[in-house]
Amino acid sequence: MEIPHAPDTPDAAPAPADSAVHDVPARDDSAYAQVRSMISSGELPAGSWLREAILAQRIGVSRTPIREALNRLAAEGLVELSRNKGAQVVSFSPEDVAGLYDVRAGFEPHAALLSVPNLTDDDVEQLASLSGRMEAIVEAGGDMDELSTLNSEFHGIFMERCGNRHFAIALQAVMRPAVVAHTFRKYSREAIRRSMQHHAELVAAAEARDGEWAEAVMRTHILAARNAAGANPSTR
């Protein structure tokens, strides 16, 4: 699903200066990215035991980057580490996913309200860039893991600028990139386009420095994501 880049040639015309906003990022082939992709795609299903030696041979690296990848994935909540048993892929029940989205719907809109007055021009430019890059991935049918990474960066800006460090830390604990990557794969084409439209509107609210607008859009965005992930209260 990755988007290939044409090789450079001596006669190639330079790209327009603003084209970077819509470029689809190159795939990250690090051990972390590959293991994370195998988990979120279901290639390594929930409950699977992750053996360093087997993963190292499968990916073609030493055990050290695999160990580092597992530690990083454990910090994201995607893997559980046991001193005696090793690493295991975490199982997220529908109730787990619903609970995470419920918390986000309650708190993340308020973070947007608080953060917008604190955003710098550079922050707004970064939000616009991330939104454009995500749209490019969706339009090209690209990598859902890369989309999830950019999505986390986008939402992270609102959390980091909310002006309350403890609030930001609490929100980061429920953002769970692993859950987002997994649920993105459940989105219909219509749902994922709606999500991108919400991002564009959040950028517009940020540009207008309108915190109440951003708060309203963020709440709609999170509730729509909950529904797209199959975690609607009526289905529990």
C-alpha atoms as a PDB file:
ATOM      1  CA  MET A   1       0.000   0.000   0.000  1.00  0.00           C
ATOM      2  CA  GLU A   2       3.028   2.268   0.118  1.00  0.00           C
ATOM      3  CA  ILE A   3       3.288   4.977  -2.495  1.00  0.00           C
ATOM      4  CA  PRO A   4       6.402   4.616  -4.685  1.00  0.00           C
ATOM      5  CA  HIS A   5       8.444   7.688  -5.547  1.00  0.00           C
ATOM      6  CA  ALA A   6       9.792   8.198  -9.036  1.00  0.00           C
ATOM      7  CA  PRO A   7      13.612   8.080  -9.196  1.00  0.00           C
ATOM      8  CA  ASP A   8      15.469  11.317  -9.629  1.00  0.00           C
ATOM      9  CA  THR A   9      16.664  12.030 -13.149  1.00  0.00           C
ATOM     10  CA  PRO A  10      18.954  14.804 -14.408  1.00  0.00           C
ATOM     11  CA  ASP A  11      16.112  16.282 -16.465  1.00  0.00           C
ATOM     12  CA  ALA A  12      13.450  16.092 -13.771  1.00  0.00           C
ATOM     13  CA  ALA A  13      11.723  19.377 -13.092  1.00  0.00           C
ATOM     14  CA  PRO A  14      11.865  20.604  -9.477  1.00  0.00           C
ATOM     15  CA  ALA A  15       8.698  20.131  -7.467  1.00  0.00           C
ATOM     16  CA  PRO A  16       6.720  23.212  -6.457  1.00  0.00           C
ATOM     17  CA  ALA A  17       7.797  24.642  -3.137  1.00  0.00           C
ATOM     18  CA  ASP A  18       4.484  23.879  -1.461  1.00  0.00           C
ATOM     19  CA  SER A  19       4.135  20.310  -2.763  1.00  0.00           C
ATOM     20  CA  ALA A  20       5.641  18.832   0.404  1.00  0.00           C
ATOM     21  CA  VAL A  21       2.366  19.420   2.212  1.00  0.00           C
ATOM     22  CA  HIS A  22       0.683  16.798   0.054  1.00  0.00           C
ATOM     23  CA  ASP A  23       3.539  14.318  -0.377  1.00  0.00           C
ATOM     24  CA  VAL A  24       2.822  10.844   0.970  1.00  0.00           C
ATOM     25  CA  PRO A  25       5.556   9.999   3.511  1.00  0.00           C
ATOM     26  CA  ALA A  26       7.944   7.192   2.678  1.00  0.00           C
ATOM     27  CA  ARG A  27       7.380   3.960   4.541  1.00  0.00           C
ATOM     28  CA  ASP A  28       9.318   3.452   7.772  1.00  0.00           C
ATOM     29  CA  ASP A  29      11.041   0.064   7.492  1.00  0.00           C
ATOM     30  CA  SER A  30      12.487   0.087  11.018  1.00  0.00           C
ATOM     31  CA  ALA A  31      11.979  -2.978  13.176  1.00  0.00           C
ATOM     32  CA  TYR A  32       9.503  -1.021  15.298  1.00  0.00           C
ATOM     33  CA  ALA A  33       7.429   0.001  12.276  1.00  0.00           C
ATOM     34  CA  GLN A  34       7.390  -3.503  10.842  1.00  0.00           C
ATOM     35  CA  VAL A  35       6.356  -5.220  14.072  1.00  0.00           C
ATOM     36  CA  ARG A  36       3.737  -2.547  14.735  1.00  0.00           C
ATOM     37  CA  SER A  37       2.343  -3.010  11.227  1.00  0.00           C
ATOM     38  CA  MET A  38       2.159  -6.787  11.632  1.00  0.00           C
ATOM     39  CA  ILE A  39       0.229  -6.361  14.874  1.00  0.00           C
ATOM     40  CA  SER A  40      -2.219  -3.698  13.702  1.00  0.00           C
ATOM     41  CA  SER A  41      -2.927  -5.605  10.465  1.00  0.00           C
ATOM     42  CA  GLY A  42      -3.689  -8.799  12.376  1.00  0.00           C
ATOM     43  CA  GLU A  43      -0.719 -10.687  10.948  1.00  0.00           C
ATOM     44  CA  LEU A  44       0.350 -11.050  14.572  1.00  0.00           C
ATOM     45  CA  PRO A  45      -3.072 -11.464  16.233  1.00  0.00           C
ATOM     46  CA  ALA A  46      -4.093 -10.517  19.755  1.00  0.00           C
ATOM     47  CA  GLY A  47      -2.665 -12.903  22.318  1.00  0.00           C
ATOM     48  CA  SER A  48       0.330 -13.882  20.167  1.00  0.00           C
ATOM     49  CA  TRP A  49       3.641 -14.400  21.936  1.00  0.00           C
ATOM     50  CA  LEU A  50       6.434 -12.374  20.336  1.00  0.00           C
ATOM     51  CA  ARG A  51       9.776 -14.164  20.372  1.00  0.00           C
ATOM     52  CA  GLU A  52      12.753 -11.917  19.765  1.00  0.00           C
ATOM     53  CA  ALA A  53      14.769 -14.512  17.876  1.00  0.00           C
ATOM     54  CA  ILE A  54      11.890 -15.419  15.554  1.00  0.00           C
ATOM     55  CA  LEU A  55      11.013 -11.788  14.825  1.00  0.00           C
ATOM     56  CA  ALA A  56      14.665 -10.915  14.239  1.00  0.00           C
ATOM     57  CA  GLN A  57      15.002 -13.700  11.674  1.00  0.00           C
ATOM     58  CA  ARG A  58      11.699 -12.807  10.040  1.00  0.00           C
ATOM     59  CA  ILE A  59      12.542  -9.120   9.655  1.00  0.00           C
ATOM     60  CA  GLY A  60      16.251  -9.606   8.991  1.00  0.00           C
ATOM     61  CA  VAL A  61      17.755  -7.703  11.909  1.00  0.00           C
ATOM     62  CA  SER A  62      19.547  -8.533  15.141  1.00  0.00           C
ATOM     63  CA  ARG A  63      17.656  -9.062  18.383  1.00  0.00           C
ATOM     64  CA  THR A  64      18.642  -5.641  19.771  1.00  0.00           C
ATOM     65  CA  PRO A  65      16.326  -3.535  17.530  1.00  0.00           C
ATOM     66  CA  ILE A  66      13.564  -6.099  18.126  1.00  0.00           C
ATOM     67  CA  ARG A  67      13.962  -5.722  21.882  1.00  0.00           C
ATOM     68  CA  GLU A  68      13.874  -1.924  21.524  1.00  0.00           C
ATOM     69  CA  ALA A  69      10.787  -2.178  19.309  1.00  0.00           C
ATOM     70  CA  LEU A  70       8.958  -4.349  21.856  1.00  0.00           C
ATOM     71  CA  ASN A  71       9.777  -1.917  24.672  1.00  0.00           C
ATOM     72  CA  ARG A  72       8.427   0.965  22.587  1.00  0.00           C
ATOM     73  CA  LEU A  73       5.283  -0.969  21.663  1.00  0.00           C
ATOM     74  CA  ALA A  74       4.774  -1.826  25.330  1.00  0.00           C
ATOM     75  CA  ALA A  75       4.925   1.896  26.171  1.00  0.00           C
ATOM     76  CA  GLU A  76       2.177   2.481  23.574  1.00  0.00           C
ATOM     77  CA  GLY A  77       0.008  -0.213  25.150  1.00  0.00           C
ATOM     78  CA  LEU A  78       0.173  -2.557  22.157  1.00  0.00           C
ATOM     79  CA  VAL A  79       2.364  -5.210  23.816  1.00  0.00           C
ATOM     80  CA  GLU A  80       2.536  -6.556  27.345  1.00  0.00           C
ATOM     81  CA  LEU A  81       5.951  -7.492  28.719  1.00  0.00           C
ATOM     82  CA  SER A  82       6.356 -10.237  31.306  1.00  0.00           C
ATOM     83  CA  ARG A  83       9.657 -10.849  33.049  1.00  0.00           C
ATOM     84  CA  ASN A  84       9.220 -14.622  32.870  1.00  0.00           C
ATOM     85  CA  LYS A  85       7.131 -15.127  29.725  1.00  0.00           C
ATOM     86  CA  GLY A  86       8.289 -12.437  27.296  1.00  0.00           C
ATOM     87  CA  ALA A  87       6.136 -10.185  25.120  1.00  0.00           C
ATOM     88  CA  GLN A  88       2.524 -10.731  24.111  1.00  0.00           C
ATOM     89  CA  VAL A  89       0.199  -8.802  21.800  1.00  0.00           C
ATOM     90  CA  VAL A  90      -2.471  -7.057  23.883  1.00  0.00           C
ATOM     91  CA  SER A  91      -6.103  -7.997  23.324  1.00  0.00           C
ATOM     92  CA  PHE A  92      -8.459  -5.012  23.035  1.00  0.00           C
ATOM     93  CA  SER A  93     -12.071  -5.972  23.639  1.00  0.00           C
ATOM     94  CA  PRO A  94     -14.904  -3.864  22.160  1.00  0.00           C
ATOM     95  CA  GLU A  95     -15.487  -2.591  25.689  1.00  0.00           C
ATOM     96  CA  ASP A  96     -11.844  -1.491  25.946  1.00  0.00           C
ATOM     97  CA  VAL A  97     -12.084   0.448  22.690  1.00  0.00           C
ATOM     98  CA  ALA A  98     -15.412   2.003  23.665  1.00  0.00           C
ATOM     99  CA  GLY A  99     -14.030   3.033  27.037  1.00  0.00           C
ATOM    100  CA  LEU A 100     -11.026   4.765  25.481  1.00  0.00           C
ATOM    101  CA  TYR A 101     -13.204   6.705  23.055  1.00  0.00           C
ATOM    102  CA  ASP A 102     -15.612   7.673  25.852  1.00  0.00           C
ATOM    103  CA  VAL A 103     -12.733   9.190  27.821  1.00  0.00           C
ATOM    104  CA  ARG A 104     -11.405  10.979  24.739  1.00  0.00           C
ATOM    105  CA  ALA A 105     -14.868  12.359  23.917  1.00  0.00           C
ATOM    106  CA  GLY A 106     -15.110  13.752  27.419  1.00  0.00           C
ATOM    107  CA  PHE A 107     -11.692  15.394  27.641  1.00  0.00           C
ATOM    108  CA  GLU A 108     -10.098  15.956  24.229  1.00  0.00           C
ATOM    109  CA  PRO A 109     -12.631  18.622  23.112  1.00  0.00           C
ATOM    110  CA  HIS A 110     -11.758  20.617  26.226  1.00  0.00           C
ATOM    111  CA  ALA A 111      -8.078  20.295  25.354  1.00  0.00           C
ATOM    112  CA  ALA A 112      -8.871  21.793  21.944  1.00  0.00           C
ATOM    113  CA  LEU A 113     -10.716  24.687  23.596  1.00  0.00           C
ATOM    114  CA  LEU A 114      -7.766  25.416  25.883  1.00  0.00           C
ATOM    115  CA  SER A 115      -5.048  24.956  23.272  1.00  0.00           C
ATOM    116  CA  VAL A 116      -6.276  27.085  20.370  1.00  0.00           C
ATOM    117  CA  PRO A 117      -5.477  30.448  22.024  1.00  0.00           C
ATOM    118  CA  ASN A 118      -1.960  29.129  22.736  1.00  0.00           C
ATOM    119  CA  LEU A 119      -1.182  27.936  19.209  1.00  0.00           C
ATOM    120  CA  THR A 120       1.669  29.665  17.408  1.00  0.00           C
ATOM    121  CA  ASP A 121       1.715  30.333  13.672  1.00  0.00           C
ATOM    122  CA  ASP A 122       4.154  27.428  13.350  1.00  0.00           C
ATOM    123  CA  ASP A 123       1.721  25.154  15.195  1.00  0.00           C
ATOM    124  CA  VAL A 124      -1.075  26.067  12.801  1.00  0.00           C
ATOM    125  CA  GLU A 125       1.186  25.502   9.807  1.00  0.00           C
ATOM    126  CA  GLN A 126       2.129  22.098  11.180  1.00  0.00           C
ATOM    127  CA  LEU A 127      -1.529  21.185  11.697  1.00  0.00           C
ATOM    128  CA  ALA A 128      -2.274  22.163   8.094  1.00  0.00           C
ATOM    129  CA  SER A 129       0.698  20.156   6.837  1.00  0.00           C
ATOM    130  CA  LEU A 130      -0.289  17.053   8.796  1.00  0.00           C
ATOM    131  CA  SER A 131      -3.880  17.348   7.606  1.00  0.00           C
ATOM    132  CA  GLY A 132      -2.745  17.586   3.994  1.00  0.00           C
ATOM    133  CA  ARG A 133      -0.398  14.629   4.310  1.00  0.00           C
ATOM    134  CA  MET A 134      -3.138  12.490   5.843  1.00  0.00           C
ATOM    135  CA  GLU A 135      -5.522  13.404   3.032  1.00  0.00           C
ATOM    136  CA  ALA A 136      -2.851  12.415   0.507  1.00  0.00           C
ATOM    137  CA  ILE A 137      -2.478   8.986   2.111  1.00  0.00           C
ATOM    138  CA  VAL A 138      -6.236   8.428   2.089  1.00  0.00           C
ATOM    139  CA  GLU A 139      -6.627   9.520  -1.524  1.00  0.00           C
ATOM    140  CA  ALA A 140      -3.777   7.230  -2.594  1.00  0.00           C
ATOM    141  CA  GLY A 141      -5.042   4.257  -0.576  1.00  0.00           C
ATOM    142  CA  GLY A 142      -1.821   4.339   1.407  1.00  0.00           C
ATOM    143  CA  ASP A 143      -0.448   2.880   4.616  1.00  0.00           C
ATOM    144  CA  MET A 144      -2.870   2.948   7.576  1.00  0.00           C
ATOM    145  CA  ASP A 145       0.009   2.746  10.047  1.00  0.00           C
ATOM    146  CA  GLU A 146       1.546   5.907   8.608  1.00  0.00           C
ATOM    147  CA  LEU A 147      -1.878   7.541   8.714  1.00  0.00           C
ATOM    148  CA  SER A 148      -2.168   6.594  12.384  1.00  0.00           C
ATOM    149  CA  THR A 149       1.258   8.086  13.155  1.00  0.00           C
ATOM    150  CA  LEU A 150       0.378  11.407  11.518  1.00  0.00           C
ATOM    151  CA  ASN A 151      -3.008  11.391  13.242  1.00  0.00           C
ATOM    152  CA  SER A 152      -1.287  11.031  16.622  1.00  0.00           C
ATOM    153  CA  GLU A 153       1.007  13.962  15.794  1.00  0.00           C
ATOM    154  CA  PHE A 154      -1.996  16.070  14.778  1.00  0.00           C
ATOM    155  CA  HIS A 155      -3.946  15.407  17.978  1.00  0.00           C
ATOM    156  CA  GLY A 156      -0.766  15.705  20.015  1.00  0.00           C
ATOM    157  CA  ILE A 157      -0.403  19.373  19.110  1.00  0.00           C
ATOM    158  CA  PHE A 158      -3.731  20.185  20.741  1.00  0.00           C
ATOM    159  CA  MET A 159      -2.773  18.224  23.851  1.00  0.00           C
ATOM    160  CA  GLU A 160       0.683  19.784  24.140  1.00  0.00           C
ATOM    161  CA  ARG A 161      -0.641  23.345  23.827  1.00  0.00           C
ATOM    162  CA  CYS A 162      -3.557  23.013  26.248  1.00  0.00           C
ATOM    163  CA  GLY A 163      -1.503  24.718  28.982  1.00  0.00           C
ATOM    164  CA  ASN A 164      -2.092  22.017  31.595  1.00  0.00           C
ATOM    165  CA  ARG A 165       0.723  19.482  31.799  1.00  0.00           C
ATOM    166  CA  HIS A 166      -1.192  17.017  33.975  1.00  0.00           C
ATOM    167  CA  PHE A 167      -4.211  17.153  31.667  1.00  0.00           C
ATOM    168  CA  ALA A 168      -1.959  16.549  28.651  1.00  0.00           C
ATOM    169  CA  ILE A 169      -0.277  13.543  30.279  1.00  0.00           C
ATOM    170  CA  ALA A 170      -3.650  12.032  31.172  1.00  0.00           C
ATOM    171  CA  LEU A 171      -4.872  12.439  27.591  1.00  0.00           C
ATOM    172  CA  GLN A 172      -1.723  10.929  26.114  1.00  0.00           C
ATOM    173  CA  ALA A 173      -2.379   7.807  28.181  1.00  0.00           C
ATOM    174  CA  VAL A 174      -5.688   7.190  26.377  1.00  0.00           C
ATOM    175  CA  MET A 175      -4.635   8.208  22.860  1.00  0.00           C
ATOM    176  CA  ARG A 176      -3.176   4.706  22.325  1.00  0.00           C
ATOM    177  CA  PRO A 177      -1.764   4.825  18.759  1.00  0.00           C
ATOM    178  CA  ALA A 178      -2.186   1.064  18.576  1.00  0.00           C
ATOM    179  CA  VAL A 179      -5.945   1.299  19.056  1.00  0.00           C
ATOM    180  CA  VAL A 180      -6.180   4.095  16.492  1.00  0.00           C
ATOM    181  CA  ALA A 181      -4.176   2.088  13.946  1.00  0.00           C
ATOM    182  CA  HIS A 182      -6.371  -0.940  14.522  1.00  0.00           C
ATOM    183  CA  THR A 183      -9.659   0.950  14.311  1.00  0.00           C
ATOM    184  CA  PHE A 184      -8.644   2.901  11.193  1.00  0.00           C
ATOM    185  CA  ARG A 185      -8.765  -0.447   9.386  1.00  0.00           C
ATOM    186  CA  LYS A 186     -12.440  -0.787  10.302  1.00  0.00           C
ATOM    187  CA  TYR A 187     -13.391   2.564   8.783  1.00  0.00           C
ATOM    188  CA  SER A 188     -15.558   2.637   5.682  1.00  0.00           C
ATOM    189  CA  ARG A 189     -14.388   4.853   2.844  1.00  0.00           C
ATOM    190  CA  GLU A 190     -17.056   7.375   3.829  1.00  0.00           C
ATOM    191  CA  ALA A 191     -16.022   7.323   7.497  1.00  0.00           C
ATOM    192  CA  ILE A 192     -12.349   7.923   6.776  1.00  0.00           C
ATOM    193  CA  ARG A 193     -13.167  10.802   4.410  1.00  0.00           C
ATOM    194  CA  ARG A 194     -15.359  12.307   7.135  1.00  0.00           C
ATOM    195  CA  SER A 195     -12.452  12.031   9.560  1.00  0.00           C
ATOM    196  CA  MET A 196     -10.198  13.921   7.130  1.00  0.00           C
ATOM    197  CA  GLN A 197     -12.865  16.616   6.756  1.00  0.00           C
ATOM    198  CA  HIS A 198     -12.953  17.019  10.531  1.00  0.00           C
ATOM    199  CA  HIS A 199      -9.173  17.502  10.530  1.00  0.00           C
ATOM    200  CA  ALA A 200      -9.491  20.201   7.859  1.00  0.00           C
ATOM    201  CA  GLU A 201     -12.155  21.971   9.911  1.00  0.00           C
ATOM    202  CA  LEU A 202      -9.997  21.778  13.033  1.00  0.00           C
ATOM    203  CA  VAL A 203      -7.252  23.491  11.037  1.00  0.00           C
ATOM    204  CA  ALA A 204      -9.725  26.191  10.012  1.00  0.00           C
ATOM    205  CA  ALA A 205     -10.761  26.713  13.647  1.00  0.00           C
ATOM    206  CA  ALA A 206      -7.098  26.926  14.655  1.00  0.00           C
ATOM    207  CA  GLU A 207      -6.390  29.480  11.932  1.00  0.00           C
ATOM    208  CA  ALA A 208      -9.346  31.530  13.190  1.00  0.00           C
ATOM    209  CA  ARG A 209      -8.085  31.110  16.778  1.00  0.00           C
ATOM    210  CA  ASP A 210     -11.637  30.060  17.697  1.00  0.00           C
ATOM    211  CA  GLY A 211     -11.405  27.647  20.613  1.00  0.00           C
ATOM    212  CA  GLU A 212     -15.151  27.046  20.906  1.00  0.00           C
ATOM    213  CA  TRP A 213     -15.328  26.064  17.230  1.00  0.00           C
ATOM    214  CA  ALA A 214     -12.399  23.683  17.691  1.00  0.00           C
ATOM    215  CA  GLU A 215     -14.034  22.201  20.789  1.00  0.00           C
ATOM    216  CA  ALA A 216     -17.272  21.471  18.922  1.00  0.00           C
ATOM    217  CA  VAL A 217     -15.500  19.920  15.936  1.00  0.00           C
ATOM    218  CA  MET A 218     -13.249  17.798  18.128  1.00  0.00           C
ATOM    219  CA  ARG A 219     -16.212  16.343  19.994  1.00  0.00           C
ATOM    220  CA  THR A 220     -17.954  15.495  16.720  1.00  0.00           C
ATOM    221  CA  HIS A 221     -14.703  14.014  15.419  1.00  0.00           C
ATOM    222  CA  ILE A 222     -14.178  11.706  18.409  1.00  0.00           C
ATOM    223  CA  LEU A 223     -17.812  10.559  18.520  1.00  0.00           C
ATOM    224  CA  ALA A 224     -17.746   9.821  14.779  1.00  0.00           C
ATOM    225  CA  ALA A 225     -14.531   7.841  15.283  1.00  0.00           C
ATOM    226  CA  ARG A 226     -16.157   5.859  18.089  1.00  0.00           C
ATOM    227  CA  ASN A 227     -19.055   4.995  15.818  1.00  0.00           C
ATOM    228  CA  ALA A 228     -16.753   4.087  12.897  1.00  0.00           C
ATOM    229  CA  ALA A 229     -14.792   1.773  15.190  1.00  0.00           C
ATOM    230  CA  GLY A 230     -17.967  -0.088  16.093  1.00  0.00           C
ATOM    231  CA  ALA A 231     -17.985   1.209  19.648  1.00  0.00           C
ATOM    232  CA  ASN A 232     -21.330   3.026  19.473  1.00  0.00           C
ATOM    233  CA  PRO A 233     -23.192   2.800  22.832  1.00  0.00           C
ATOM    234  CA  SER A 234     -26.216   1.274  21.079  1.00  0.00           C
ATOM    235  CA  THR A 235     -24.095  -1.668  19.916  1.00  0.00           C
ATOM    236  CA  ARG A 236     -22.616  -2.548  23.319  1.00  0.00           C
END
